[in-house]
Amino acid sequence: MLKKFIYECDGQDLVEYALLVAIVALGSVAALTAFQSALTAAWAAISRNLSG
């Protein structure tokens, strides 16, 4: 029974997919953080142009 438990790899795919999702999520957060500053600057420029 212990030997079967050690060599069983049914849950391995789930762990790999979870790690992949975590990496994609971290990359998305980094990209959105960088995009947020550019978007804030664009909105500020639009606001300045509309106000006067």
Protein backbone atom coordinates (compact mmCIF):
# COMPACT_ATOMS: atom_id res chain seq x y z
CA MET A 1 0.00 0.00 0.00
CA LEU A 2 2.85 2.43 0.82
CA LYS A 3 4.60 1.55 -2.43
CA LYS A 4 1.41 2.29 -4.37
CA PHE A 5 1.02 5.64 -2.57
CA ILE A 6 4.60 6.68 -3.37
CA TYR A 7 4.42 5.82 -7.07
CA GLU A 8 0.88 7.03 -7.65
CA CYS A 9 0.87 10.19 -9.76
CA ASP A 10 -2.84 10.87 -10.29
CA GLY A 11 -2.72 14.25 -8.54
CA GLN A 12 0.41 15.40 -10.31
CA ASP A 13 -1.52 17.05 -13.15
CA LEU A 14 -3.62 19.02 -10.70
CA VAL A 15 -0.52 20.41 -9.01
CA GLU A 16 1.01 21.36 -12.35
CA TYR A 17 -2.16 23.14 -13.45
CA ALA A 18 -2.36 24.96 -10.11
CA LEU A 19 1.22 26.18 -10.51
CA LEU A 20 0.51 27.26 -14.08
CA VAL A 21 -2.57 29.21 -12.95
CA ALA A 22 -0.54 30.86 -10.18
CA ILE A 23 2.17 31.94 -12.64
CA VAL A 24 -0.42 33.33 -15.06
CA ALA A 25 -2.15 35.18 -12.22
CA LEU A 26 1.09 36.75 -11.03
CA GLY A 27 1.96 37.78 -14.58
CA SER A 28 -1.48 39.29 -15.03
CA VAL A 29 -1.16 41.30 -11.83
CA ALA A 30 2.23 42.61 -12.92
CA ALA A 31 0.93 43.55 -16.38
CA LEU A 32 -2.18 45.23 -15.01
CA THR A 33 -0.11 47.17 -12.49
CA ALA A 34 2.06 48.53 -15.29
CA PHE A 35 -1.00 49.23 -17.42
CA GLN A 36 -2.70 51.01 -14.53
CA SER A 37 -0.09 53.78 -14.42
CA ALA A 38 -0.34 54.32 -18.18
CA LEU A 39 -4.13 54.41 -17.98
CA THR A 40 -4.04 56.87 -15.09
CA ALA A 41 -1.75 59.15 -17.08
CA ALA A 42 -4.04 58.95 -20.11
CA TRP A 43 -7.12 59.82 -18.04
CA ALA A 44 -5.29 62.75 -16.47
CA ALA A 45 -4.31 64.08 -19.90
CA ILE A 46 -7.87 63.71 -21.17
CA SER A 47 -9.19 65.48 -18.07
CA ARG A 48 -6.74 68.36 -18.52
CA ASN A 49 -7.71 68.77 -22.19
CA LEU A 50 -11.44 68.74 -21.44
CA SER A 51 -11.27 71.16 -18.52
CA GLY A 52 -9.53 73.90 -20.30
